[in-house]
């Protein structure tokens, strides 16, 4: 299928679109069973989650949501365990905590100059929004 092929593209936007489309399908029970038996897809998603976990919030969020859909079925838990999704999720949480602490430290250095919002403030707010979404998925 084209979605799986797109997971191997170099362009991250194509990967995001592919994982988004897969996510839409696995949310439907009649399609979920087709994906569960697809070991290549699960392996590709697990590998991509591990490799991309520090790079792109949207891609990682899509993949985590796909695995979250799988986690609702106890018969799929062995697949999640063998793909080390729990361990990777904990690594993501740890990394995001470190990123938050670093961002907070940088902002504290800038505190005297907070009279008006600038581009850095906007970027920080966007960072917090993306991080909040990602962590919500991790903890849910």
N, C-alpha and C. Protein backbone atom coordinates (compact mmCIF):
# COMPACT_ATOMS: atom_id res chain seq x y z
N UNK A 1 0.82 -1.21 0.00
CA UNK A 1 0.00 0.00 0.00
C UNK A 1 0.86 1.27 0.00
N UNK A 2 0.30 2.30 -0.55
CA UNK A 2 1.03 3.56 -0.73
C UNK A 2 1.41 4.18 0.60
N UNK A 3 0.57 4.06 1.63
CA UNK A 3 0.89 4.66 2.92
C UNK A 3 2.18 4.09 3.48
N UNK A 4 2.35 2.80 3.35
CA UNK A 4 3.55 2.15 3.87
C UNK A 4 4.77 2.58 3.07
N UNK A 5 4.63 2.65 1.77
CA UNK A 5 5.73 3.12 0.93
C UNK A 5 6.14 4.53 1.30
N UNK A 6 5.16 5.37 1.61
CA UNK A 6 5.45 6.76 1.96
C UNK A 6 6.18 6.90 3.30
N UNK A 7 6.12 5.88 4.13
CA UNK A 7 6.86 5.92 5.40
C UNK A 7 8.37 5.91 5.16
N UNK A 8 8.78 5.45 4.00
CA UNK A 8 10.21 5.35 3.68
C UNK A 8 10.72 6.55 2.88
N UNK A 9 9.87 7.52 2.64
CA UNK A 9 10.28 8.72 1.91
C UNK A 9 11.22 9.57 2.77
N UNK A 10 12.04 10.37 2.12
CA UNK A 10 12.94 11.26 2.85
C UNK A 10 12.24 12.53 3.33
N UNK A 11 11.21 12.94 2.62
CA UNK A 11 10.47 14.16 2.95
C UNK A 11 9.58 13.90 4.16
N UNK A 12 9.82 14.64 5.24
CA UNK A 12 9.07 14.43 6.47
C UNK A 12 7.59 14.76 6.30
N UNK A 13 7.26 15.69 5.42
CA UNK A 13 5.85 16.04 5.18
C UNK A 13 5.09 14.85 4.60
N UNK A 14 5.75 14.09 3.75
CA UNK A 14 5.12 12.89 3.17
C UNK A 14 4.92 11.84 4.26
N UNK A 15 5.91 11.70 5.13
CA UNK A 15 5.78 10.76 6.25
C UNK A 15 4.64 11.17 7.18
N UNK A 16 4.53 12.45 7.45
CA UNK A 16 3.45 12.94 8.32
C UNK A 16 2.09 12.64 7.69
N UNK A 17 1.97 12.91 6.40
CA UNK A 17 0.70 12.63 5.71
C UNK A 17 0.38 11.14 5.74
N UNK A 18 1.40 10.30 5.53
CA UNK A 18 1.18 8.86 5.54
C UNK A 18 0.73 8.39 6.93
N UNK A 19 1.40 8.86 7.97
CA UNK A 19 1.01 8.43 9.32
C UNK A 19 -0.36 8.98 9.70
N UNK A 20 -0.68 10.17 9.23
CA UNK A 20 -2.01 10.73 9.49
C UNK A 20 -3.09 9.87 8.83
N UNK A 21 -2.85 9.46 7.59
CA UNK A 21 -3.82 8.62 6.88
C UNK A 21 -3.97 7.26 7.55
N UNK A 22 -2.86 6.69 7.99
CA UNK A 22 -2.92 5.41 8.70
C UNK A 22 -3.69 5.59 10.00
N UNK A 23 -3.44 6.69 10.70
CA UNK A 23 -4.15 6.97 11.95
C UNK A 23 -5.65 7.03 11.71
N UNK A 24 -6.07 7.68 10.65
CA UNK A 24 -7.50 7.77 10.35
C UNK A 24 -8.09 6.38 10.12
N UNK A 25 -7.34 5.50 9.48
CA UNK A 25 -7.84 4.15 9.21
C UNK A 25 -7.88 3.28 10.46
N UNK A 26 -6.85 3.35 11.31
CA UNK A 26 -6.84 2.47 12.49
C UNK A 26 -7.87 2.89 13.53
N UNK A 27 -8.42 4.08 13.40
CA UNK A 27 -9.46 4.51 14.32
C UNK A 27 -10.81 3.87 13.98
N UNK A 28 -10.88 3.23 12.84
CA UNK A 28 -12.09 2.51 12.43
C UNK A 28 -11.89 1.02 12.70
N UNK A 29 -12.73 0.44 13.56
CA UNK A 29 -12.55 -0.98 13.94
C UNK A 29 -12.48 -1.94 12.75
N UNK A 30 -13.22 -1.68 11.69
CA UNK A 30 -13.20 -2.62 10.56
C UNK A 30 -11.87 -2.60 9.81
N UNK A 31 -11.11 -1.51 9.92
CA UNK A 31 -9.81 -1.44 9.28
C UNK A 31 -8.67 -1.84 10.22
N UNK A 32 -8.89 -1.69 11.49
CA UNK A 32 -7.84 -1.95 12.47
C UNK A 32 -7.29 -3.36 12.33
N UNK A 33 -8.15 -4.34 12.16
CA UNK A 33 -7.69 -5.73 12.08
C UNK A 33 -6.73 -5.95 10.91
N UNK A 34 -6.89 -5.20 9.84
CA UNK A 34 -6.00 -5.34 8.69
C UNK A 34 -4.59 -4.88 9.03
N UNK A 35 -4.49 -3.88 9.87
CA UNK A 35 -3.18 -3.34 10.23
C UNK A 35 -2.48 -4.19 11.29
N UNK A 36 -3.26 -4.81 12.14
CA UNK A 36 -2.70 -5.60 13.24
C UNK A 36 -1.83 -6.73 12.72
N UNK A 37 -2.24 -7.36 11.64
CA UNK A 37 -1.49 -8.49 11.09
C UNK A 37 -0.37 -8.05 10.15
N UNK A 38 -0.22 -6.76 9.98
CA UNK A 38 0.77 -6.23 9.05
C UNK A 38 2.06 -5.93 9.81
N UNK A 39 2.91 -6.94 9.95
CA UNK A 39 4.15 -6.83 10.73
C UNK A 39 5.11 -5.80 10.14
N UNK A 40 5.15 -5.67 8.82
CA UNK A 40 6.05 -4.70 8.19
C UNK A 40 5.67 -3.28 8.61
N UNK A 41 4.38 -3.00 8.60
CA UNK A 41 3.91 -1.67 9.00
C UNK A 41 4.24 -1.39 10.46
N UNK A 42 3.96 -2.33 11.33
CA UNK A 42 4.22 -2.12 12.75
C UNK A 42 5.72 -1.94 12.99
N UNK A 43 6.53 -2.74 12.32
CA UNK A 43 7.98 -2.59 12.45
C UNK A 43 8.48 -1.25 11.93
N UNK A 44 7.92 -0.82 10.79
CA UNK A 44 8.32 0.47 10.22
C UNK A 44 7.93 1.63 11.13
N UNK A 45 6.73 1.55 11.69
CA UNK A 45 6.28 2.62 12.61
C UNK A 45 7.12 2.64 13.88
N UNK A 46 7.43 1.46 14.42
CA UNK A 46 8.26 1.39 15.64
C UNK A 46 9.66 1.94 15.38
N UNK A 47 10.24 1.58 14.25
CA UNK A 47 11.57 2.08 13.89
C UNK A 47 11.54 3.59 13.70
N UNK A 48 10.52 4.07 13.01
CA UNK A 48 10.41 5.50 12.75
C UNK A 48 10.20 6.26 14.07
N UNK A 49 9.42 5.71 14.98
CA UNK A 49 9.21 6.35 16.27
C UNK A 49 10.53 6.49 17.01
N UNK A 50 11.32 5.45 17.00
CA UNK A 50 12.62 5.47 17.68
C UNK A 50 13.57 6.48 17.01
N UNK A 51 13.62 6.47 15.70
CA UNK A 51 14.56 7.33 14.97
C UNK A 51 14.15 8.80 14.96
N UNK A 52 12.86 9.07 14.91
CA UNK A 52 12.37 10.43 14.75
C UNK A 52 11.90 11.07 16.06
N UNK A 53 12.04 10.37 17.17
CA UNK A 53 11.45 10.83 18.43
C UNK A 53 11.95 12.19 18.88
N UNK A 54 13.12 12.59 18.45
CA UNK A 54 13.67 13.89 18.85
C UNK A 54 13.53 14.95 17.77
N UNK A 55 12.93 14.59 16.64
CA UNK A 55 12.97 15.49 15.49
C UNK A 55 11.66 16.20 15.20
N UNK A 56 10.58 15.48 15.05
CA UNK A 56 9.34 16.10 14.58
C UNK A 56 8.16 15.71 15.45
N UNK A 57 7.60 16.69 16.16
CA UNK A 57 6.48 16.44 17.07
C UNK A 57 5.26 15.86 16.36
N UNK A 58 4.93 16.41 15.22
CA UNK A 58 3.71 15.97 14.53
C UNK A 58 3.82 14.53 14.07
N UNK A 59 4.94 14.16 13.53
CA UNK A 59 5.15 12.78 13.09
C UNK A 59 5.10 11.82 14.27
N UNK A 60 5.80 12.17 15.33
CA UNK A 60 5.84 11.31 16.53
C UNK A 60 4.45 11.22 17.16
N UNK A 61 3.72 12.32 17.18
CA UNK A 61 2.35 12.30 17.73
C UNK A 61 1.46 11.36 16.93
N UNK A 62 1.54 11.43 15.61
CA UNK A 62 0.73 10.54 14.78
C UNK A 62 1.05 9.07 15.07
N UNK A 63 2.33 8.75 15.15
CA UNK A 63 2.74 7.37 15.39
C UNK A 63 2.28 6.90 16.77
N UNK A 64 2.46 7.75 17.77
CA UNK A 64 2.01 7.38 19.12
C UNK A 64 0.50 7.17 19.16
N UNK A 65 -0.24 7.98 18.44
CA UNK A 65 -1.70 7.80 18.41
C UNK A 65 -2.08 6.49 17.72
N UNK A 66 -1.33 6.11 16.70
CA UNK A 66 -1.58 4.82 16.05
C UNK A 66 -1.36 3.69 17.05
N UNK A 67 -0.24 3.74 17.76
CA UNK A 67 0.02 2.70 18.75
C UNK A 67 -0.96 2.77 19.92
N UNK A 68 -1.45 3.96 20.23
CA UNK A 68 -2.49 4.08 21.25
C UNK A 68 -3.75 3.33 20.82
N UNK A 69 -4.13 3.45 19.56
CA UNK A 69 -5.28 2.70 19.06
C UNK A 69 -5.05 1.20 19.22
N UNK A 70 -3.84 0.76 18.92
CA UNK A 70 -3.50 -0.65 19.09
C UNK A 70 -3.58 -1.07 20.57
N UNK A 71 -3.22 -0.16 21.46
CA UNK A 71 -3.15 -0.51 22.89
C UNK A 71 -4.51 -0.75 23.51
N UNK A 72 -5.57 -0.35 22.85
CA UNK A 72 -6.91 -0.57 23.38
C UNK A 72 -7.34 -2.03 23.28
N UNK A 73 -6.56 -2.84 22.61
CA UNK A 73 -6.88 -4.25 22.44
C UNK A 73 -5.80 -5.10 23.11
N UNK A 74 -6.19 -5.85 24.12
CA UNK A 74 -5.20 -6.63 24.88
C UNK A 74 -4.46 -7.63 24.02
N UNK A 75 -5.08 -8.14 22.98
CA UNK A 75 -4.39 -9.10 22.12
C UNK A 75 -3.25 -8.46 21.33
N UNK A 76 -3.21 -7.12 21.31
CA UNK A 76 -2.13 -6.42 20.61
C UNK A 76 -0.99 -6.01 21.54
N UNK A 77 -1.16 -6.19 22.82
CA UNK A 77 -0.12 -5.79 23.77
C UNK A 77 1.22 -6.48 23.50
N UNK A 78 1.24 -7.78 23.17
CA UNK A 78 2.55 -8.39 22.86
C UNK A 78 3.28 -7.71 21.70
N UNK A 79 2.53 -7.22 20.72
CA UNK A 79 3.15 -6.52 19.59
C UNK A 79 3.78 -5.22 20.08
N UNK A 80 3.08 -4.50 20.93
CA UNK A 80 3.60 -3.25 21.46
C UNK A 80 4.83 -3.48 22.33
N UNK A 81 4.79 -4.55 23.10
CA UNK A 81 5.93 -4.87 23.96
C UNK A 81 7.15 -5.26 23.12
N UNK A 82 6.94 -6.10 22.12
CA UNK A 82 8.07 -6.54 21.30
C UNK A 82 8.65 -5.39 20.49
N UNK A 83 7.83 -4.40 20.15
CA UNK A 83 8.31 -3.23 19.41
C UNK A 83 8.88 -2.17 20.35
N UNK A 84 8.86 -2.43 21.64
CA UNK A 84 9.42 -1.54 22.67
C UNK A 84 8.79 -0.14 22.64
N UNK A 85 7.49 -0.11 22.42
CA UNK A 85 6.79 1.17 22.33
C UNK A 85 6.77 1.86 23.69
N UNK A 86 6.59 1.12 24.77
CA UNK A 86 6.58 1.71 26.11
C UNK A 86 7.92 2.36 26.45
N UNK A 87 9.00 1.66 26.16
CA UNK A 87 10.33 2.20 26.45
C UNK A 87 10.62 3.44 25.61
N UNK A 88 10.24 3.40 24.35
CA UNK A 88 10.45 4.56 23.49
C UNK A 88 9.62 5.75 23.97
N UNK A 89 8.40 5.47 24.41
CA UNK A 89 7.53 6.54 24.92
C UNK A 89 8.17 7.18 26.16
N UNK A 90 8.74 6.39 27.03
CA UNK A 90 9.42 6.93 28.22
C UNK A 90 10.62 7.78 27.81
N UNK A 91 11.35 7.37 26.78
CA UNK A 91 12.47 8.17 26.27
C UNK A 91 11.98 9.51 25.72
N UNK A 92 10.84 9.47 25.05
CA UNK A 92 10.25 10.71 24.51
C UNK A 92 9.89 11.65 25.65
N UNK A 93 9.26 11.12 26.70
CA UNK A 93 8.88 11.94 27.85
C UNK A 93 10.11 12.56 28.49
N UNK A 94 11.15 11.78 28.68
CA UNK A 94 12.39 12.28 29.27
C UNK A 94 13.00 13.38 28.41
N UNK A 95 13.06 13.15 27.12
CA UNK A 95 13.62 14.15 26.21
C UNK A 95 12.81 15.44 26.23
N UNK A 96 11.50 15.33 26.22
CA UNK A 96 10.65 16.52 26.23
C UNK A 96 10.79 17.29 27.55
N UNK A 97 10.99 16.58 28.63
CA UNK A 97 11.21 17.25 29.91
C UNK A 97 12.51 18.07 29.86
N UNK A 98 13.55 17.48 29.30
CA UNK A 98 14.82 18.19 29.16
C UNK A 98 14.68 19.40 28.25
N UNK A 99 13.95 19.25 27.16
CA UNK A 99 13.73 20.38 26.25
C UNK A 99 12.98 21.51 26.96
N UNK A 100 12.00 21.15 27.75
CA UNK A 100 11.22 22.15 28.48
C UNK A 100 12.11 22.90 29.47
N UNK A 101 12.90 22.15 30.23
CA UNK A 101 13.80 22.78 31.21
C UNK A 101 14.78 23.72 30.53
N UNK A 102 15.34 23.32 29.41
CA UNK A 102 16.26 24.17 28.66
C UNK A 102 15.56 25.44 28.16
N UNK A 103 14.38 25.29 27.61
CA UNK A 103 13.63 26.45 27.13
C UNK A 103 13.28 27.40 28.26
N UNK A 104 12.92 26.84 29.40
CA UNK A 104 12.58 27.66 30.55
C UNK A 104 13.80 28.43 31.05
N UNK A 105 14.94 27.79 31.08
CA UNK A 105 16.19 28.45 31.49
C UNK A 105 16.52 29.61 30.56
N UNK A 106 16.38 29.38 29.27
CA UNK A 106 16.65 30.44 28.30
C UNK A 106 15.68 31.61 28.47
N UNK A 107 14.43 31.32 28.76
CA UNK A 107 13.45 32.39 28.95
C UNK A 107 13.73 33.19 30.22
N UNK A 108 14.19 32.52 31.27
CA UNK A 108 14.49 33.22 32.52
C UNK A 108 15.64 34.22 32.33
N UNK A 109 16.57 33.89 31.46
CA UNK A 109 17.67 34.81 31.17
C UNK A 109 17.15 36.07 30.50
N UNK A 110 16.04 35.95 29.83
CA UNK A 110 15.50 37.04 29.04
C UNK A 110 14.43 37.84 29.80
N UNK A 111 14.10 37.45 31.01
CA UNK A 111 13.00 38.05 31.77
C UNK A 111 12.98 39.57 31.82
N UNK A 112 14.07 40.26 32.03
CA UNK A 112 14.00 41.72 32.10
C UNK A 112 13.47 42.38 30.81
N UNK A 113 13.55 41.68 29.72
CA UNK A 113 13.14 42.26 28.43
C UNK A 113 11.77 41.75 27.97
N UNK A 114 10.89 41.46 28.90
CA UNK A 114 9.59 40.90 28.53
C UNK A 114 8.48 41.94 28.43
N UNK A 115 8.80 43.14 28.02
CA UNK A 115 7.79 44.19 27.91
C UNK A 115 6.76 43.89 26.83
N UNK A 116 7.20 43.29 25.75
CA UNK A 116 6.26 42.95 24.67
C UNK A 116 6.65 41.60 24.09
N UNK A 117 5.67 40.97 23.44
CA UNK A 117 5.92 39.66 22.83
C UNK A 117 6.71 39.84 21.54
N UNK A 118 7.69 38.99 21.36
CA UNK A 118 8.45 39.00 20.11
C UNK A 118 8.38 37.61 19.48
N UNK A 119 9.15 37.40 18.45
CA UNK A 119 9.14 36.11 17.76
C UNK A 119 9.54 34.96 18.66
N UNK A 120 10.47 35.21 19.55
CA UNK A 120 10.91 34.16 20.47
C UNK A 120 9.76 33.74 21.39
N UNK A 121 8.96 34.69 21.83
CA UNK A 121 7.81 34.38 22.68
C UNK A 121 6.79 33.54 21.91
N UNK A 122 6.55 33.92 20.68
CA UNK A 122 5.61 33.18 19.85
C UNK A 122 6.10 31.75 19.62
N UNK A 123 7.40 31.61 19.34
CA UNK A 123 7.98 30.28 19.15
C UNK A 123 7.86 29.45 20.42
N UNK A 124 8.06 30.08 21.56
CA UNK A 124 7.96 29.37 22.83
C UNK A 124 6.53 28.89 23.06
N UNK A 125 5.58 29.72 22.76
CA UNK A 125 4.17 29.32 22.93
C UNK A 125 3.82 28.17 21.99
N UNK A 126 4.28 28.23 20.76
CA UNK A 126 4.05 27.13 19.82
C UNK A 126 4.74 25.85 20.28
N UNK A 127 5.96 25.99 20.79
CA UNK A 127 6.69 24.85 21.34
C UNK A 127 5.89 24.20 22.46
N UNK A 128 5.38 25.01 23.38
CA UNK A 128 4.59 24.48 24.50
C UNK A 128 3.32 23.78 24.02
N UNK A 129 2.69 24.35 23.03
CA UNK A 129 1.46 23.75 22.49
C UNK A 129 1.75 22.38 21.88
N UNK A 130 2.79 22.30 21.04
CA UNK A 130 3.14 21.01 20.41
C UNK A 130 3.58 20.00 21.46
N UNK A 131 4.36 20.47 22.42
CA UNK A 131 4.85 19.57 23.46
C UNK A 131 3.69 19.06 24.32
N UNK A 132 2.75 19.92 24.63
CA UNK A 132 1.60 19.51 25.43
C UNK A 132 0.80 18.42 24.73
N UNK A 133 0.60 18.57 23.43
CA UNK A 133 -0.13 17.55 22.66
C UNK A 133 0.62 16.22 22.69
N UNK A 134 1.92 16.29 22.46
CA UNK A 134 2.74 15.08 22.44
C UNK A 134 2.72 14.38 23.81
N UNK A 135 2.90 15.14 24.87
CA UNK A 135 2.91 14.54 26.21
C UNK A 135 1.54 14.00 26.60
N UNK A 136 0.48 14.65 26.14
CA UNK A 136 -0.86 14.13 26.41
C UNK A 136 -1.00 12.73 25.83
N UNK A 137 -0.54 12.56 24.60
CA UNK A 137 -0.61 11.25 23.96
C UNK A 137 0.25 10.23 24.72
N UNK A 138 1.43 10.65 25.15
CA UNK A 138 2.33 9.75 25.87
C UNK A 138 1.71 9.26 27.18
N UNK A 139 1.08 10.17 27.90
CA UNK A 139 0.57 9.82 29.22
C UNK A 139 -0.82 9.19 29.18
N UNK A 140 -1.55 9.40 28.10
CA UNK A 140 -2.89 8.88 28.02
C UNK A 140 -2.83 7.39 27.81
